[in-house]
């Protein structure tokens, strides 16, 4: 996984192993992510699945419990993916098609938190 810190968020992107299936890559990424979560749990997080990875709904849902605890900590948690079945996901998960949109969501949520909204 690659980790890139910006002023507003930590962007985490899985490394793809061409020898493994998409599902195996996601499970591998998830396990590493959970193991290292304590490092960036206090940051706004963007998980970037935009490149070379067709993640399905079941795999996205793996991250829902992290989303919930992250929101309780008053931090943003956004997933970048262009999944066409996004309307089937729970409303509390924020999934956007581009990294730019994810960064915009983080900024808007920071403003809302600052205003007490």
C-alpha atoms as a PDB file:
ATOM      1  CA  UNK A   1       0.000   0.000   0.000  1.00  0.00           C
ATOM      2  CA  UNK A   2       1.141   3.510  -0.693  1.00  0.00           C
ATOM      3  CA  UNK A   3       0.477   6.305   1.776  1.00  0.00           C
ATOM      4  CA  UNK A   4       0.477   9.957   0.797  1.00  0.00           C
ATOM      5  CA  UNK A   5      -0.170  12.683   3.365  1.00  0.00           C
ATOM      6  CA  UNK A   6      -1.627  16.002   2.309  1.00  0.00           C
ATOM      7  CA  UNK A   7      -2.571  19.007   4.426  1.00  0.00           C
ATOM      8  CA  UNK A   8      -6.130  17.746   4.801  1.00  0.00           C
ATOM      9  CA  UNK A   9      -5.995  13.939   4.529  1.00  0.00           C
ATOM     10  CA  UNK A  10      -4.012  10.756   4.326  1.00  0.00           C
ATOM     11  CA  UNK A  11      -4.513   9.053   0.971  1.00  0.00           C
ATOM     12  CA  UNK A  12      -4.022   5.298   0.975  1.00  0.00           C
ATOM     13  CA  UNK A  13      -3.828   3.286  -2.208  1.00  0.00           C
ATOM     14  CA  UNK A  14      -3.467  -0.499  -2.464  1.00  0.00           C
ATOM     15  CA  UNK A  15      -0.538  -1.980  -4.319  1.00  0.00           C
ATOM     16  CA  UNK A  16      -1.756  -4.425  -6.921  1.00  0.00           C
ATOM     17  CA  UNK A  17      -0.207  -7.842  -7.211  1.00  0.00           C
ATOM     18  CA  UNK A  18      -0.901  -9.042 -10.751  1.00  0.00           C
ATOM     19  CA  UNK A  19      -0.542 -12.656  -9.609  1.00  0.00           C
ATOM     20  CA  UNK A  20      -3.610 -12.361  -7.349  1.00  0.00           C
ATOM     21  CA  UNK A  21      -7.285 -11.870  -8.104  1.00  0.00           C
ATOM     22  CA  UNK A  22      -9.020  -8.600  -7.300  1.00  0.00           C
ATOM     23  CA  UNK A  23     -10.665 -10.188  -4.268  1.00  0.00           C
ATOM     24  CA  UNK A  24      -7.300 -11.453  -3.004  1.00  0.00           C
ATOM     25  CA  UNK A  25      -5.735  -8.022  -3.533  1.00  0.00           C
ATOM     26  CA  UNK A  26      -8.556  -6.370  -1.570  1.00  0.00           C
ATOM     27  CA  UNK A  27      -8.380  -8.849   1.314  1.00  0.00           C
ATOM     28  CA  UNK A  28      -4.601  -8.444   1.427  1.00  0.00           C
ATOM     29  CA  UNK A  29      -4.926  -4.652   1.409  1.00  0.00           C
ATOM     30  CA  UNK A  30      -7.641  -4.799   4.071  1.00  0.00           C
ATOM     31  CA  UNK A  31      -5.477  -6.929   6.377  1.00  0.00           C
ATOM     32  CA  UNK A  32      -2.481  -4.606   6.016  1.00  0.00           C
ATOM     33  CA  UNK A  33      -4.748  -1.570   6.426  1.00  0.00           C
ATOM     34  CA  UNK A  34      -6.227  -2.937   9.677  1.00  0.00           C
ATOM     35  CA  UNK A  35      -2.767  -3.805  10.975  1.00  0.00           C
ATOM     36  CA  UNK A  36      -1.521  -0.253  10.361  1.00  0.00           C
ATOM     37  CA  UNK A  37      -4.756   1.611  11.100  1.00  0.00           C
ATOM     38  CA  UNK A  38      -3.440   2.881  14.446  1.00  0.00           C
ATOM     39  CA  UNK A  39      -0.858   4.957  12.551  1.00  0.00           C
ATOM     40  CA  UNK A  40      -3.409   7.089  10.717  1.00  0.00           C
ATOM     41  CA  UNK A  41      -6.612   6.702  12.761  1.00  0.00           C
ATOM     42  CA  UNK A  42      -6.457  10.359  13.823  1.00  0.00           C
ATOM     43  CA  UNK A  43      -6.296  11.665  10.234  1.00  0.00           C
ATOM     44  CA  UNK A  44      -8.934  12.209   7.602  1.00  0.00           C
ATOM     45  CA  UNK A  45      -8.640   9.160   5.338  1.00  0.00           C
ATOM     46  CA  UNK A  46      -9.141   8.622   1.641  1.00  0.00           C
ATOM     47  CA  UNK A  47      -8.930   5.054   0.350  1.00  0.00           C
ATOM     48  CA  UNK A  48      -8.142   5.286  -3.342  1.00  0.00           C
ATOM     49  CA  UNK A  49      -9.367   2.319  -5.385  1.00  0.00           C
ATOM     50  CA  UNK A  50      -9.459   4.290  -8.629  1.00  0.00           C
ATOM     51  CA  UNK A  51      -6.583   2.674 -10.504  1.00  0.00           C
ATOM     52  CA  UNK A  52      -6.495  -0.839 -11.932  1.00  0.00           C
ATOM     53  CA  UNK A  53      -8.845  -2.318  -9.382  1.00  0.00           C
ATOM     54  CA  UNK A  54     -12.456  -3.254  -9.870  1.00  0.00           C
ATOM     55  CA  UNK A  55     -13.687  -3.522  -6.291  1.00  0.00           C
ATOM     56  CA  UNK A  56     -17.206  -4.858  -5.789  1.00  0.00           C
ATOM     57  CA  UNK A  57     -19.839  -3.967  -3.203  1.00  0.00           C
ATOM     58  CA  UNK A  58     -19.011  -6.837  -0.843  1.00  0.00           C
ATOM     59  CA  UNK A  59     -15.372  -5.755  -0.763  1.00  0.00           C
ATOM     60  CA  UNK A  60     -16.272  -2.109  -0.155  1.00  0.00           C
ATOM     61  CA  UNK A  61     -18.415  -3.182   2.796  1.00  0.00           C
ATOM     62  CA  UNK A  62     -15.310  -4.633   4.485  1.00  0.00           C
ATOM     63  CA  UNK A  63     -14.419  -1.047   5.374  1.00  0.00           C
ATOM     64  CA  UNK A  64     -17.801  -0.027   6.824  1.00  0.00           C
ATOM     65  CA  UNK A  65     -16.854  -0.664  10.468  1.00  0.00           C
ATOM     66  CA  UNK A  66     -13.726   1.469  10.026  1.00  0.00           C
ATOM     67  CA  UNK A  67     -15.915   4.179   8.543  1.00  0.00           C
ATOM     68  CA  UNK A  68     -18.164   4.115  11.616  1.00  0.00           C
ATOM     69  CA  UNK A  69     -15.352   4.348  14.151  1.00  0.00           C
ATOM     70  CA  UNK A  70     -13.611   7.014  12.092  1.00  0.00           C
ATOM     71  CA  UNK A  71     -16.760   9.162  12.008  1.00  0.00           C
ATOM     72  CA  UNK A  72     -17.151   8.759  15.788  1.00  0.00           C
ATOM     73  CA  UNK A  73     -13.621  10.182  16.051  1.00  0.00           C
ATOM     74  CA  UNK A  74     -14.840  13.223  14.038  1.00  0.00           C
ATOM     75  CA  UNK A  75     -12.663  12.423  11.040  1.00  0.00           C
ATOM     76  CA  UNK A  76     -13.562  11.951   7.376  1.00  0.00           C
ATOM     77  CA  UNK A  77     -13.436   8.572   5.685  1.00  0.00           C
ATOM     78  CA  UNK A  78     -13.914   8.594   1.898  1.00  0.00           C
ATOM     79  CA  UNK A  79     -13.539   5.809  -0.651  1.00  0.00           C
ATOM     80  CA  UNK A  80     -12.604   6.586  -4.255  1.00  0.00           C
ATOM     81  CA  UNK A  81     -14.220   4.147  -6.665  1.00  0.00           C
ATOM     82  CA  UNK A  82     -16.368   4.436  -9.748  1.00  0.00           C
ATOM     83  CA  UNK A  83     -18.608   1.471  -8.902  1.00  0.00           C
ATOM     84  CA  UNK A  84     -21.850   1.664 -10.849  1.00  0.00           C
ATOM     85  CA  UNK A  85     -23.862   0.044  -8.039  1.00  0.00           C
ATOM     86  CA  UNK A  86     -23.103   2.772  -5.521  1.00  0.00           C
ATOM     87  CA  UNK A  87     -26.805   3.260  -4.754  1.00  0.00           C
ATOM     88  CA  UNK A  88     -26.851  -0.219  -3.132  1.00  0.00           C
ATOM     89  CA  UNK A  89     -24.349   0.819  -0.456  1.00  0.00           C
ATOM     90  CA  UNK A  90     -25.274   2.160   2.985  1.00  0.00           C
ATOM     91  CA  UNK A  91     -25.719   5.927   3.078  1.00  0.00           C
ATOM     92  CA  UNK A  92     -23.086   6.367   5.774  1.00  0.00           C
ATOM     93  CA  UNK A  93     -20.317   5.274   3.384  1.00  0.00           C
ATOM     94  CA  UNK A  94     -19.026   8.118   1.258  1.00  0.00           C
ATOM     95  CA  UNK A  95     -17.882   6.869  -2.130  1.00  0.00           C
ATOM     96  CA  UNK A  96     -16.896   9.209  -4.932  1.00  0.00           C
ATOM     97  CA  UNK A  97     -15.529   8.511  -8.421  1.00  0.00           C
ATOM     98  CA  UNK A  98     -12.410  10.708  -8.325  1.00  0.00           C
ATOM     99  CA  UNK A  99      -9.641  11.683  -5.935  1.00  0.00           C
ATOM    100  CA  UNK A 100     -10.446  15.373  -6.460  1.00  0.00           C
ATOM    101  CA  UNK A 101     -14.010  14.788  -5.288  1.00  0.00           C
ATOM    102  CA  UNK A 102     -12.736  12.891  -2.249  1.00  0.00           C
ATOM    103  CA  UNK A 103     -10.492  15.807  -1.306  1.00  0.00           C
ATOM    104  CA  UNK A 104     -13.459  18.175  -1.738  1.00  0.00           C
ATOM    105  CA  UNK A 105     -15.585  16.012   0.585  1.00  0.00           C
ATOM    106  CA  UNK A 106     -12.856  16.071   3.238  1.00  0.00           C
ATOM    107  CA  UNK A 107     -12.606  19.856   3.011  1.00  0.00           C
ATOM    108  CA  UNK A 108     -16.384  20.290   3.234  1.00  0.00           C
ATOM    109  CA  UNK A 109     -16.632  17.957   6.230  1.00  0.00           C
ATOM    110  CA  UNK A 110     -13.800  19.845   7.955  1.00  0.00           C
ATOM    111  CA  UNK A 111     -15.701  23.095   7.425  1.00  0.00           C
ATOM    112  CA  UNK A 112     -18.910  21.525   8.760  1.00  0.00           C
ATOM    113  CA  UNK A 113     -17.097  20.261  11.859  1.00  0.00           C
ATOM    114  CA  UNK A 114     -15.544  23.699  12.427  1.00  0.00           C
ATOM    115  CA  UNK A 115     -19.004  25.272  12.195  1.00  0.00           C
ATOM    116  CA  UNK A 116     -20.526  22.640  14.484  1.00  0.00           C
ATOM    117  CA  UNK A 117     -22.875  21.332  11.817  1.00  0.00           C
END
